[in-house]
Amino acid sequence: MGLVRIKVRELAAERGWTFKEVADRSGVVYSTITTYARRSSISMVDFTALHKLARAFDVMIEDLVEIIEE
């Protein structure tokens, strides 16, 4: 199973948003946002959350996710 990193921290910083604002704008639970932002790699992610985050940041999912290890 591969590992990915979700670029929540970088995208939020580019827009000047707090993690609370990201949660409010995306509809993704705040604890999920902080988990994605603080972990350097994740083996399992919620695709629905990724979709919501990508829409909130106005990016493609591919721009939100970095593959760390396949």
N, C-alpha and C. Protein backbone atom coordinates (compact mmCIF):
# COMPACT_ATOMS: atom_id res chain seq x y z
N MET A 1 0.84 -1.17 0.00
CA MET A 1 0.00 0.00 0.00
C MET A 1 0.89 1.24 0.00
N GLY A 2 0.54 2.23 -0.80
CA GLY A 2 1.33 3.44 -0.90
C GLY A 2 1.04 4.44 0.19
N LEU A 3 1.93 5.41 0.30
CA LEU A 3 1.76 6.50 1.26
C LEU A 3 1.61 7.80 0.51
N VAL A 4 0.74 8.66 1.00
CA VAL A 4 0.54 9.97 0.39
C VAL A 4 0.64 11.06 1.46
N ARG A 5 0.84 12.27 0.99
CA ARG A 5 0.81 13.44 1.86
C ARG A 5 -0.24 14.38 1.28
N ILE A 6 -1.09 14.89 2.14
CA ILE A 6 -2.15 15.81 1.71
C ILE A 6 -1.63 17.22 1.97
N LYS A 7 -1.64 18.07 0.95
CA LYS A 7 -1.02 19.39 1.02
C LYS A 7 -1.94 20.47 1.61
N VAL A 8 -2.65 20.13 2.67
CA VAL A 8 -3.58 21.06 3.30
C VAL A 8 -2.84 22.27 3.86
N ARG A 9 -1.75 22.03 4.56
CA ARG A 9 -1.01 23.13 5.20
C ARG A 9 -0.54 24.15 4.16
N GLU A 10 0.05 23.68 3.08
CA GLU A 10 0.58 24.59 2.06
C GLU A 10 -0.52 25.39 1.36
N LEU A 11 -1.59 24.70 0.99
CA LEU A 11 -2.67 25.38 0.28
C LEU A 11 -3.40 26.38 1.18
N ALA A 12 -3.57 26.02 2.44
CA ALA A 12 -4.21 26.96 3.38
C ALA A 12 -3.32 28.18 3.57
N ALA A 13 -2.03 27.97 3.71
CA ALA A 13 -1.09 29.09 3.91
C ALA A 13 -1.08 30.02 2.70
N GLU A 14 -1.12 29.45 1.50
CA GLU A 14 -1.14 30.27 0.27
C GLU A 14 -2.34 31.20 0.24
N ARG A 15 -3.44 30.75 0.82
CA ARG A 15 -4.66 31.54 0.79
C ARG A 15 -4.88 32.35 2.06
N GLY A 16 -4.01 32.14 3.05
CA GLY A 16 -4.15 32.85 4.31
C GLY A 16 -5.29 32.32 5.16
N TRP A 17 -5.65 31.04 4.98
CA TRP A 17 -6.75 30.44 5.71
C TRP A 17 -6.23 29.67 6.91
N THR A 18 -6.98 29.68 7.99
CA THR A 18 -6.70 28.81 9.13
C THR A 18 -7.29 27.44 8.84
N PHE A 19 -6.93 26.45 9.63
CA PHE A 19 -7.51 25.11 9.45
C PHE A 19 -9.01 25.15 9.72
N LYS A 20 -9.45 25.99 10.64
CA LYS A 20 -10.88 26.16 10.92
C LYS A 20 -11.60 26.70 9.68
N GLU A 21 -10.98 27.67 9.00
CA GLU A 21 -11.57 28.20 7.77
C GLU A 21 -11.63 27.13 6.68
N VAL A 22 -10.59 26.32 6.59
CA VAL A 22 -10.58 25.23 5.60
C VAL A 22 -11.74 24.28 5.89
N ALA A 23 -11.92 23.94 7.16
CA ALA A 23 -13.02 23.05 7.55
C ALA A 23 -14.37 23.67 7.19
N ASP A 24 -14.54 24.94 7.52
CA ASP A 24 -15.81 25.62 7.23
C ASP A 24 -16.08 25.72 5.73
N ARG A 25 -15.06 26.04 4.95
CA ARG A 25 -15.23 26.22 3.51
C ARG A 25 -15.43 24.90 2.77
N SER A 26 -14.82 23.84 3.30
CA SER A 26 -14.88 22.55 2.59
C SER A 26 -15.98 21.63 3.10
N GLY A 27 -16.39 21.81 4.34
CA GLY A 27 -17.35 20.88 4.93
C GLY A 27 -16.70 19.63 5.48
N VAL A 28 -15.37 19.62 5.53
CA VAL A 28 -14.63 18.49 6.09
C VAL A 28 -14.41 18.77 7.58
N VAL A 29 -14.57 17.75 8.40
CA VAL A 29 -14.44 17.89 9.84
C VAL A 29 -13.05 18.43 10.20
N TYR A 30 -13.01 19.36 11.15
CA TYR A 30 -11.77 20.01 11.56
C TYR A 30 -10.69 19.00 11.95
N SER A 31 -11.05 17.96 12.67
CA SER A 31 -10.04 16.98 13.11
C SER A 31 -9.41 16.26 11.92
N THR A 32 -10.17 16.05 10.85
CA THR A 32 -9.62 15.45 9.63
C THR A 32 -8.63 16.41 8.98
N ILE A 33 -8.98 17.69 8.94
CA ILE A 33 -8.08 18.71 8.37
C ILE A 33 -6.76 18.71 9.12
N THR A 34 -6.82 18.74 10.45
CA THR A 34 -5.58 18.80 11.23
C THR A 34 -4.77 17.51 11.10
N THR A 35 -5.45 16.38 11.00
CA THR A 35 -4.73 15.11 10.78
C THR A 35 -3.97 15.14 9.47
N TYR A 36 -4.65 15.56 8.40
CA TYR A 36 -4.01 15.62 7.09
C TYR A 36 -2.87 16.64 7.08
N ALA A 37 -3.04 17.74 7.78
CA ALA A 37 -2.03 18.80 7.78
C ALA A 37 -0.80 18.43 8.59
N ARG A 38 -0.97 17.68 9.63
CA ARG A 38 0.14 17.41 10.56
C ARG A 38 0.92 16.14 10.27
N ARG A 39 0.35 15.23 9.50
CA ARG A 39 1.04 13.97 9.23
C ARG A 39 1.86 14.09 7.95
N SER A 40 3.07 13.60 8.00
CA SER A 40 3.93 13.68 6.82
C SER A 40 3.58 12.61 5.79
N SER A 41 2.90 11.55 6.23
CA SER A 41 2.45 10.53 5.28
C SER A 41 1.24 9.81 5.86
N ILE A 42 0.36 9.40 4.97
CA ILE A 42 -0.87 8.72 5.35
C ILE A 42 -1.07 7.55 4.40
N SER A 43 -1.52 6.43 4.94
CA SER A 43 -1.75 5.27 4.07
C SER A 43 -3.20 5.18 3.61
N MET A 44 -4.13 5.74 4.38
CA MET A 44 -5.54 5.70 3.99
C MET A 44 -6.14 7.08 4.13
N VAL A 45 -6.88 7.50 3.12
CA VAL A 45 -7.54 8.80 3.16
C VAL A 45 -9.00 8.63 2.75
N ASP A 46 -9.82 9.57 3.14
CA ASP A 46 -11.23 9.60 2.78
C ASP A 46 -11.35 10.34 1.45
N PHE A 47 -11.73 9.63 0.40
CA PHE A 47 -11.79 10.24 -0.93
C PHE A 47 -12.82 11.37 -0.98
N THR A 48 -13.91 11.21 -0.26
CA THR A 48 -14.93 12.27 -0.22
C THR A 48 -14.34 13.54 0.39
N ALA A 49 -13.55 13.40 1.44
CA ALA A 49 -12.90 14.56 2.06
C ALA A 49 -11.93 15.20 1.08
N LEU A 50 -11.16 14.38 0.35
CA LEU A 50 -10.24 14.93 -0.64
C LEU A 50 -10.98 15.70 -1.71
N HIS A 51 -12.09 15.18 -2.15
CA HIS A 51 -12.89 15.84 -3.17
C HIS A 51 -13.39 17.19 -2.66
N LYS A 52 -13.89 17.22 -1.44
CA LYS A 52 -14.38 18.47 -0.84
C LYS A 52 -13.24 19.48 -0.68
N LEU A 53 -12.08 19.00 -0.25
CA LEU A 53 -10.93 19.89 -0.07
C LEU A 53 -10.47 20.46 -1.41
N ALA A 54 -10.41 19.62 -2.41
CA ALA A 54 -10.00 20.08 -3.74
C ALA A 54 -10.95 21.15 -4.25
N ARG A 55 -12.24 20.95 -4.05
CA ARG A 55 -13.22 21.96 -4.48
C ARG A 55 -13.05 23.26 -3.69
N ALA A 56 -12.83 23.16 -2.39
CA ALA A 56 -12.66 24.36 -1.56
C ALA A 56 -11.42 25.15 -1.98
N PHE A 57 -10.35 24.44 -2.28
CA PHE A 57 -9.10 25.10 -2.69
C PHE A 57 -9.10 25.44 -4.18
N ASP A 58 -10.09 24.94 -4.91
CA ASP A 58 -10.20 25.15 -6.35
C ASP A 58 -8.97 24.59 -7.08
N VAL A 59 -8.62 23.34 -6.71
CA VAL A 59 -7.51 22.63 -7.36
C VAL A 59 -8.00 21.24 -7.72
N MET A 60 -7.25 20.56 -8.55
CA MET A 60 -7.54 19.17 -8.86
C MET A 60 -7.01 18.31 -7.71
N ILE A 61 -7.60 17.14 -7.55
CA ILE A 61 -7.16 16.25 -6.47
C ILE A 61 -5.68 15.94 -6.62
N GLU A 62 -5.21 15.82 -7.84
CA GLU A 62 -3.79 15.54 -8.08
C GLU A 62 -2.89 16.63 -7.52
N ASP A 63 -3.39 17.86 -7.44
CA ASP A 63 -2.62 18.96 -6.89
C ASP A 63 -2.67 19.00 -5.37
N LEU A 64 -3.60 18.28 -4.79
CA LEU A 64 -3.78 18.24 -3.34
C LEU A 64 -2.98 17.12 -2.71
N VAL A 65 -2.70 16.08 -3.48
CA VAL A 65 -2.06 14.87 -2.96
C VAL A 65 -0.66 14.72 -3.54
N GLU A 66 0.28 14.40 -2.66
CA GLU A 66 1.65 14.08 -3.10
C GLU A 66 1.92 12.62 -2.77
N ILE A 67 2.35 11.83 -3.75
CA ILE A 67 2.67 10.43 -3.51
C ILE A 67 4.05 10.35 -2.89
N ILE A 68 4.11 9.77 -1.72
CA ILE A 68 5.38 9.62 -0.99
C ILE A 68 6.05 8.29 -1.34
N GLU A 69 5.25 7.22 -1.35
CA GLU A 69 5.78 5.89 -1.59
C GLU A 69 4.69 5.04 -2.23
N GLU A 70 5.05 4.32 -3.27
CA GLU A 70 4.06 3.43 -3.93
C GLU A 70 4.26 2.01 -3.47
